[in-house]
N, C-alpha and C. Protein backbone atom coordinates (compact mmCIF):
# COMPACT_ATOMS: atom_id res chain seq x y z
N MET A 1 124.97 83.64 150.73
CA MET A 1 125.42 85.19 150.34
C MET A 1 126.34 84.88 149.71
N GLY A 2 126.38 86.04 148.99
CA GLY A 2 127.47 86.41 148.21
C GLY A 2 128.78 87.51 148.11
N THR A 3 128.92 87.81 149.50
CA THR A 3 130.52 87.86 149.59
C THR A 3 131.22 87.16 150.76
N GLN A 4 132.53 87.38 149.99
CA GLN A 4 133.66 85.47 150.59
C GLN A 4 134.29 86.54 151.57
N LEU A 5 134.19 85.06 152.32
CA LEU A 5 135.10 86.00 153.44
C LEU A 5 136.91 85.30 153.39
N MET A 6 137.91 86.14 153.06
CA MET A 6 139.58 85.10 152.56
C MET A 6 139.85 84.35 154.14
N ALA A 7 138.64 84.95 155.11
CA ALA A 7 139.78 83.52 156.12
C ALA A 7 138.22 84.00 156.75
N ALA A 8 137.94 82.52 157.78
CA ALA A 8 136.87 82.66 158.86
C ALA A 8 137.70 83.59 160.25
N PRO A 9 136.66 84.44 161.08
CA PRO A 9 137.25 85.24 161.91
C PRO A 9 137.29 84.15 162.82
N ARG A 10 138.29 84.92 164.16
CA ARG A 10 139.55 83.79 164.96
C ARG A 10 138.03 84.51 165.86
N CYS A 11 138.13 83.55 166.95
CA CYS A 11 137.76 83.48 168.72
C CYS A 11 138.75 84.58 169.28
N PRO A 12 138.33 85.78 170.14
CA PRO A 12 139.07 86.88 170.54
C PRO A 12 139.50 86.17 171.29
N VAL A 13 139.12 84.76 172.17
CA VAL A 13 139.68 84.79 174.00
C VAL A 13 140.94 82.87 173.46
N HIS A 14 140.42 82.55 172.23
CA HIS A 14 141.63 81.16 172.35
C HIS A 14 142.26 80.94 170.69
N ASP A 15 141.96 82.51 170.17
CA ASP A 15 142.84 82.72 169.21
C ASP A 15 142.60 81.59 168.14
N THR A 16 141.36 80.94 167.65
CA THR A 16 141.58 79.68 166.55
C THR A 16 140.34 80.22 165.61
N PRO A 17 139.99 79.56 164.42
CA PRO A 17 139.12 80.23 163.46
C PRO A 17 137.96 79.67 164.45
N MET A 18 136.96 80.49 164.14
CA MET A 18 135.46 80.27 164.42
C MET A 18 134.89 79.41 163.11
N VAL A 19 134.04 78.41 163.57
CA VAL A 19 132.99 77.54 162.70
C VAL A 19 132.21 77.75 161.83
N PHE A 20 131.38 77.89 160.66
CA PHE A 20 130.29 79.02 159.99
C PHE A 20 129.16 77.91 160.50
N HIS A 21 128.47 78.37 160.70
CA HIS A 21 127.17 78.05 161.70
C HIS A 21 126.19 78.18 160.38
N PRO A 22 125.70 76.50 159.38
CA PRO A 22 125.06 77.23 158.32
C PRO A 22 123.20 77.46 158.94
N ALA A 23 122.81 78.89 157.81
CA ALA A 23 121.49 79.42 158.52
C ALA A 23 120.34 77.64 158.50
N LYS A 24 119.37 77.51 158.89
CA LYS A 24 118.60 76.43 159.85
C LYS A 24 116.81 76.96 158.70
N THR A 25 117.05 78.68 159.18
CA THR A 25 115.77 79.36 158.75
C THR A 25 116.05 80.29 157.98
N PRO A 26 114.57 80.76 156.93
CA PRO A 26 114.67 82.34 155.92
C PRO A 26 115.41 83.18 156.95
N VAL A 27 114.79 83.41 158.32
CA VAL A 27 115.43 84.25 158.67
C VAL A 27 116.77 84.32 158.93
N GLN A 28 117.66 83.54 159.85
CA GLN A 28 119.15 83.36 159.96
C GLN A 28 119.32 83.83 158.13
N GLU A 29 119.25 83.17 157.88
CA GLU A 29 119.77 83.60 156.46
C GLU A 29 119.74 85.23 155.62
N TYR A 30 118.50 85.34 155.84
CA TYR A 30 118.90 86.95 155.66
C TYR A 30 119.57 87.98 156.82
N CYS A 31 119.54 87.61 158.39
CA CYS A 31 120.66 87.86 159.06
C CYS A 31 122.01 88.14 158.27
N GLY A 32 122.35 86.84 158.17
CA GLY A 32 123.61 86.48 157.20
C GLY A 32 124.68 85.63 157.93
N ALA A 33 125.60 86.02 158.23
CA ALA A 33 126.67 84.64 158.20
C ALA A 33 127.15 84.55 160.01
N TRP A 34 127.32 83.44 160.36
CA TRP A 34 126.90 82.94 161.85
C TRP A 34 127.70 82.52 161.96
N TYR A 35 129.43 82.56 162.47
CA TYR A 35 130.90 81.86 162.27
C TYR A 35 130.13 81.60 164.81
N TYR A 36 130.42 80.97 164.78
CA TYR A 36 131.10 80.33 166.42
C TYR A 36 132.01 79.86 166.80
N CYS A 37 132.80 80.48 168.73
CA CYS A 37 133.83 79.31 168.75
C CYS A 37 133.58 77.61 168.61
N HIS A 38 134.70 77.36 168.49
CA HIS A 38 134.15 75.01 168.86
C HIS A 38 134.66 74.83 169.82
N GLU A 39 135.32 75.62 170.79
CA GLU A 39 136.40 75.40 171.76
C GLU A 39 135.29 75.16 173.19
N SER A 40 135.22 73.98 173.88
CA SER A 40 134.45 73.81 175.21
C SER A 40 133.88 74.81 175.59
N GLY A 41 132.94 74.61 175.95
CA GLY A 41 132.37 75.95 177.01
C GLY A 41 132.38 77.14 176.79
N CYS A 42 133.16 77.87 175.29
CA CYS A 42 132.99 78.77 174.59
C CYS A 42 132.11 79.83 174.09
N ALA A 43 131.70 80.34 174.05
CA ALA A 43 130.34 81.15 173.66
C ALA A 43 130.41 82.70 173.26
N CYS A 44 131.94 82.31 172.42
CA CYS A 44 132.13 83.85 171.63
C CYS A 44 131.61 83.22 170.23
N SER A 45 130.83 84.28 169.46
CA SER A 45 130.44 84.35 168.00
C SER A 45 130.68 85.82 167.42
N THR A 46 130.48 85.20 166.45
CA THR A 46 130.22 86.50 165.81
C THR A 46 128.94 86.85 164.15
N LEU A 47 128.70 87.63 163.97
CA LEU A 47 127.66 87.86 163.12
C LEU A 47 128.39 89.24 161.73
N ILE A 48 128.26 87.85 160.73
CA ILE A 48 128.92 88.88 159.19
C ILE A 48 127.41 88.88 158.79
N PRO A 49 126.78 90.58 158.62
CA PRO A 49 125.67 90.75 158.25
C PRO A 49 125.60 90.39 156.74
N SER A 50 124.37 89.99 156.70
CA SER A 50 123.81 90.23 154.59
C SER A 50 123.70 91.42 154.09
N PRO A 51 123.90 91.59 152.83
CA PRO A 51 124.06 92.70 152.67
C PRO A 51 122.99 93.50 152.36
N GLU A 52 121.62 92.56 153.12
CA GLU A 52 120.57 93.14 153.20
C GLU A 52 120.83 94.36 154.49
N VAL A 53 121.34 93.28 155.78
CA VAL A 53 121.50 94.11 156.50
C VAL A 53 122.24 95.79 156.68
N GLN A 54 123.43 94.58 155.24
CA GLN A 54 124.71 95.86 155.77
C GLN A 54 123.37 97.61 155.38
N LYS A 55 122.90 97.19 153.92
CA LYS A 55 122.48 98.31 153.66
C LYS A 55 121.37 99.26 155.23
N ILE A 56 120.37 98.53 155.58
CA ILE A 56 120.03 98.83 156.75
C ILE A 56 120.71 99.61 157.84
N MET A 57 121.72 98.84 157.63
CA MET A 57 122.30 99.35 159.26
C MET A 57 123.33 100.93 158.71
N GLU A 58 123.61 100.86 156.96
CA GLU A 58 124.13 101.61 156.76
C GLU A 58 123.13 103.88 156.58
N GLY A 59 122.49 102.53 156.29
CA GLY A 59 120.77 104.00 156.40
C GLY A 59 120.47 104.54 157.75
N SER A 60 120.75 104.05 158.49
CA SER A 60 120.55 104.43 160.76
C SER A 60 121.83 104.67 161.04
N LYS A 61 122.53 105.14 160.10
CA LYS A 61 124.02 105.75 160.56
C LYS A 61 123.53 107.64 160.24
N LYS A 62 122.81 107.59 159.12
CA LYS A 62 122.47 108.95 158.80
C LYS A 62 121.70 109.89 159.87
């Protein structure tokens, strides 16, 4: 991904930095960067969309 984050996203429940989860497939890589909370039992995660997906999302707002 070409865009670098200034800091990792933070878990809204635990207020801790989320951990980057590397893409394992081309589809995951296309979708963007996935981060998850490392705290036991927490299901919080976030996806930073790839530039390609951002263009699609921006086009659907029109």
